[in-house]
Amino acid sequence: MEPIEIFKALSNESRLQILQWLKEPDRHFIPHEGIDMNTTGVCVSQITDKLKMTQSTASQYLTILLRSGLIKAERIGKYTYYKRDEDAIKKIADFFKKEI
């Protein structure tokens, strides 16, 4: 865990919004081709549509979140699905409690 990378990732409103949406995907997204969003994740196109921005910008945001370790990606066929890494989020919460 690199706290600085996590803080950088969280310093953007849209990236923070993505994490919030991924916490409760059923509440914020329509399932993609029958995928269980809680198990597999949310397709990049669903996130792009919800952000109302280009796919390249949304992909950049997701890459930053991925590099920080806050989300995981899974490729299924031609689609990539993203979900939160709850263990990493717990570790950063513990870091706050102990260090800050």
C-alpha atoms as a PDB file:
ATOM      1  CA  MET A   1       0.000   0.000   0.000  1.00  0.00           C
ATOM      2  CA  GLU A   2       1.354   3.389  -1.041  1.00  0.00           C
ATOM      3  CA  PRO A   3      -0.625   6.024   0.890  1.00  0.00           C
ATOM      4  CA  ILE A   4       0.509   8.895  -1.358  1.00  0.00           C
ATOM      5  CA  GLU A   5      -0.764   7.084  -4.486  1.00  0.00           C
ATOM      6  CA  ILE A   6      -4.061   6.390  -2.749  1.00  0.00           C
ATOM      7  CA  PHE A   7      -4.414  10.016  -1.663  1.00  0.00           C
ATOM      8  CA  LYS A   8      -3.660  11.163  -5.220  1.00  0.00           C
ATOM      9  CA  ALA A   9      -6.281   8.774  -6.585  1.00  0.00           C
ATOM     10  CA  LEU A  10      -8.866  10.068  -4.112  1.00  0.00           C
ATOM     11  CA  SER A  11      -8.092  13.726  -4.811  1.00  0.00           C
ATOM     12  CA  ASN A  12     -10.368  13.792  -7.872  1.00  0.00           C
ATOM     13  CA  GLU A  13     -14.143  14.091  -7.465  1.00  0.00           C
ATOM     14  CA  SER A  14     -14.928  11.718 -10.344  1.00  0.00           C
ATOM     15  CA  ARG A  15     -12.567   9.014  -9.091  1.00  0.00           C
ATOM     16  CA  LEU A  16     -14.049   9.303  -5.619  1.00  0.00           C
ATOM     17  CA  GLN A  17     -17.518   9.057  -7.183  1.00  0.00           C
ATOM     18  CA  ILE A  18     -16.526   5.874  -9.017  1.00  0.00           C
ATOM     19  CA  LEU A  19     -15.468   4.282  -5.718  1.00  0.00           C
ATOM     20  CA  GLN A  20     -18.746   5.314  -4.119  1.00  0.00           C
ATOM     21  CA  TRP A  21     -20.771   3.855  -7.002  1.00  0.00           C
ATOM     22  CA  LEU A  22     -18.797   0.612  -6.939  1.00  0.00           C
ATOM     23  CA  LYS A  23     -19.618   0.212  -3.244  1.00  0.00           C
ATOM     24  CA  GLU A  24     -23.264  -0.437  -4.208  1.00  0.00           C
ATOM     25  CA  PRO A  25     -23.224  -1.321  -7.917  1.00  0.00           C
ATOM     26  CA  ASP A  26     -26.814  -2.628  -7.975  1.00  0.00           C
ATOM     27  CA  ARG A  27     -28.006   0.761  -6.795  1.00  0.00           C
ATOM     28  CA  HIS A  28     -26.085   2.766  -9.401  1.00  0.00           C
ATOM     29  CA  PHE A  29     -25.825   0.601 -12.537  1.00  0.00           C
ATOM     30  CA  ILE A  30     -27.977  -1.611 -14.733  1.00  0.00           C
ATOM     31  CA  PRO A  31     -26.395  -5.100 -15.008  1.00  0.00           C
ATOM     32  CA  HIS A  32     -24.282  -5.694 -18.117  1.00  0.00           C
ATOM     33  CA  GLU A  33     -25.281  -8.814 -20.059  1.00  0.00           C
ATOM     34  CA  GLY A  34     -26.478 -10.650 -16.955  1.00  0.00           C
ATOM     35  CA  ILE A  35     -23.214 -10.138 -15.030  1.00  0.00           C
ATOM     36  CA  ASP A  36     -23.441 -10.163 -11.228  1.00  0.00           C
ATOM     37  CA  MET A  37     -21.947  -6.753 -10.540  1.00  0.00           C
ATOM     38  CA  ASN A  38     -21.253  -7.536  -6.878  1.00  0.00           C
ATOM     39  CA  THR A  39     -19.112 -10.539  -7.818  1.00  0.00           C
ATOM     40  CA  THR A  40     -17.613  -9.599 -11.181  1.00  0.00           C
ATOM     41  CA  GLY A  41     -17.770  -5.822 -11.217  1.00  0.00           C
ATOM     42  CA  VAL A  42     -19.036  -3.060 -13.465  1.00  0.00           C
ATOM     43  CA  CYS A  43     -18.144  -2.699 -17.144  1.00  0.00           C
ATOM     44  CA  VAL A  44     -16.078   0.320 -18.156  1.00  0.00           C
ATOM     45  CA  SER A  45     -18.815   1.410 -20.579  1.00  0.00           C
ATOM     46  CA  GLN A  46     -21.321   1.586 -17.707  1.00  0.00           C
ATOM     47  CA  ILE A  47     -18.954   3.803 -15.738  1.00  0.00           C
ATOM     48  CA  THR A  48     -18.261   5.968 -18.793  1.00  0.00           C
ATOM     49  CA  ASP A  49     -21.991   6.475 -19.381  1.00  0.00           C
ATOM     50  CA  LYS A  50     -22.628   7.370 -15.746  1.00  0.00           C
ATOM     51  CA  LEU A  51     -19.723   9.832 -15.649  1.00  0.00           C
ATOM     52  CA  LYS A  52     -20.943  11.421 -18.910  1.00  0.00           C
ATOM     53  CA  MET A  53     -17.391  11.703 -20.210  1.00  0.00           C
ATOM     54  CA  THR A  54     -15.258  10.114 -22.906  1.00  0.00           C
ATOM     55  CA  GLN A  55     -14.131   6.531 -22.549  1.00  0.00           C
ATOM     56  CA  SER A  56     -10.483   7.622 -22.651  1.00  0.00           C
ATOM     57  CA  THR A  57     -10.968   9.927 -19.641  1.00  0.00           C
ATOM     58  CA  ALA A  58     -12.928   7.301 -17.712  1.00  0.00           C
ATOM     59  CA  SER A  59     -10.249   4.723 -18.545  1.00  0.00           C
ATOM     60  CA  GLN A  60      -7.546   7.065 -17.246  1.00  0.00           C
ATOM     61  CA  TYR A  61      -9.459   7.488 -13.981  1.00  0.00           C
ATOM     62  CA  LEU A  62      -9.917   3.733 -13.645  1.00  0.00           C
ATOM     63  CA  THR A  63      -6.212   3.152 -14.358  1.00  0.00           C
ATOM     64  CA  ILE A  64      -5.271   5.572 -11.567  1.00  0.00           C
ATOM     65  CA  LEU A  65      -7.625   3.790  -9.154  1.00  0.00           C
ATOM     66  CA  LEU A  66      -6.244   0.434 -10.303  1.00  0.00           C
ATOM     67  CA  ARG A  67      -2.604   1.492  -9.800  1.00  0.00           C
ATOM     68  CA  SER A  68      -3.424   2.801  -6.334  1.00  0.00           C
ATOM     69  CA  GLY A  69      -4.840  -0.630  -5.479  1.00  0.00           C
ATOM     70  CA  LEU A  70      -8.316   0.623  -4.598  1.00  0.00           C
ATOM     71  CA  ILE A  71     -10.023  -1.341  -7.381  1.00  0.00           C
ATOM     72  CA  LYS A  72      -9.509  -4.621  -9.237  1.00  0.00           C
ATOM     73  CA  ALA A  73     -10.074  -5.368 -12.910  1.00  0.00           C
ATOM     74  CA  GLU A  74     -11.240  -8.572 -14.567  1.00  0.00           C
ATOM     75  CA  ARG A  75     -11.298  -9.113 -18.307  1.00  0.00           C
ATOM     76  CA  ILE A  76     -14.127 -11.297 -19.633  1.00  0.00           C
ATOM     77  CA  GLY A  77     -14.196 -11.593 -23.404  1.00  0.00           C
ATOM     78  CA  LYS A  78     -13.993  -8.113 -24.883  1.00  0.00           C
ATOM     79  CA  TYR A  79     -15.124  -6.371 -21.690  1.00  0.00           C
ATOM     80  CA  THR A  80     -13.228  -5.258 -18.611  1.00  0.00           C
ATOM     81  CA  TYR A  81     -15.087  -5.158 -15.297  1.00  0.00           C
ATOM     82  CA  TYR A  82     -14.047  -3.149 -12.249  1.00  0.00           C
ATOM     83  CA  LYS A  83     -14.859  -3.608  -8.578  1.00  0.00           C
ATOM     84  CA  ARG A  84     -13.569  -2.237  -5.294  1.00  0.00           C
ATOM     85  CA  ASP A  85     -10.732  -3.961  -3.479  1.00  0.00           C
ATOM     86  CA  GLU A  86     -12.303  -4.021  -0.040  1.00  0.00           C
ATOM     87  CA  ASP A  87      -9.124  -5.330   1.616  1.00  0.00           C
ATOM     88  CA  ALA A  88      -7.117  -2.367   0.296  1.00  0.00           C
ATOM     89  CA  ILE A  89      -9.819   0.067   1.400  1.00  0.00           C
ATOM     90  CA  LYS A  90      -9.767  -1.498   4.869  1.00  0.00           C
ATOM     91  CA  LYS A  91      -5.977  -1.145   5.002  1.00  0.00           C
ATOM     92  CA  ILE A  92      -6.127   2.566   4.165  1.00  0.00           C
ATOM     93  CA  ALA A  93      -8.821   3.032   6.832  1.00  0.00           C
ATOM     94  CA  ASP A  94      -6.554   1.276   9.332  1.00  0.00           C
ATOM     95  CA  PHE A  95      -3.679   3.507   8.215  1.00  0.00           C
ATOM     96  CA  PHE A  96      -5.795   6.572   9.029  1.00  0.00           C
ATOM     97  CA  LYS A  97      -6.664   5.192  12.460  1.00  0.00           C
ATOM     98  CA  LYS A  98      -3.073   4.351  13.355  1.00  0.00           C
ATOM     99  CA  GLU A  99      -0.965   6.960  11.580  1.00  0.00           C
ATOM    100  CA  ILE A 100      -3.026  10.087  11.099  1.00  0.00           C
END
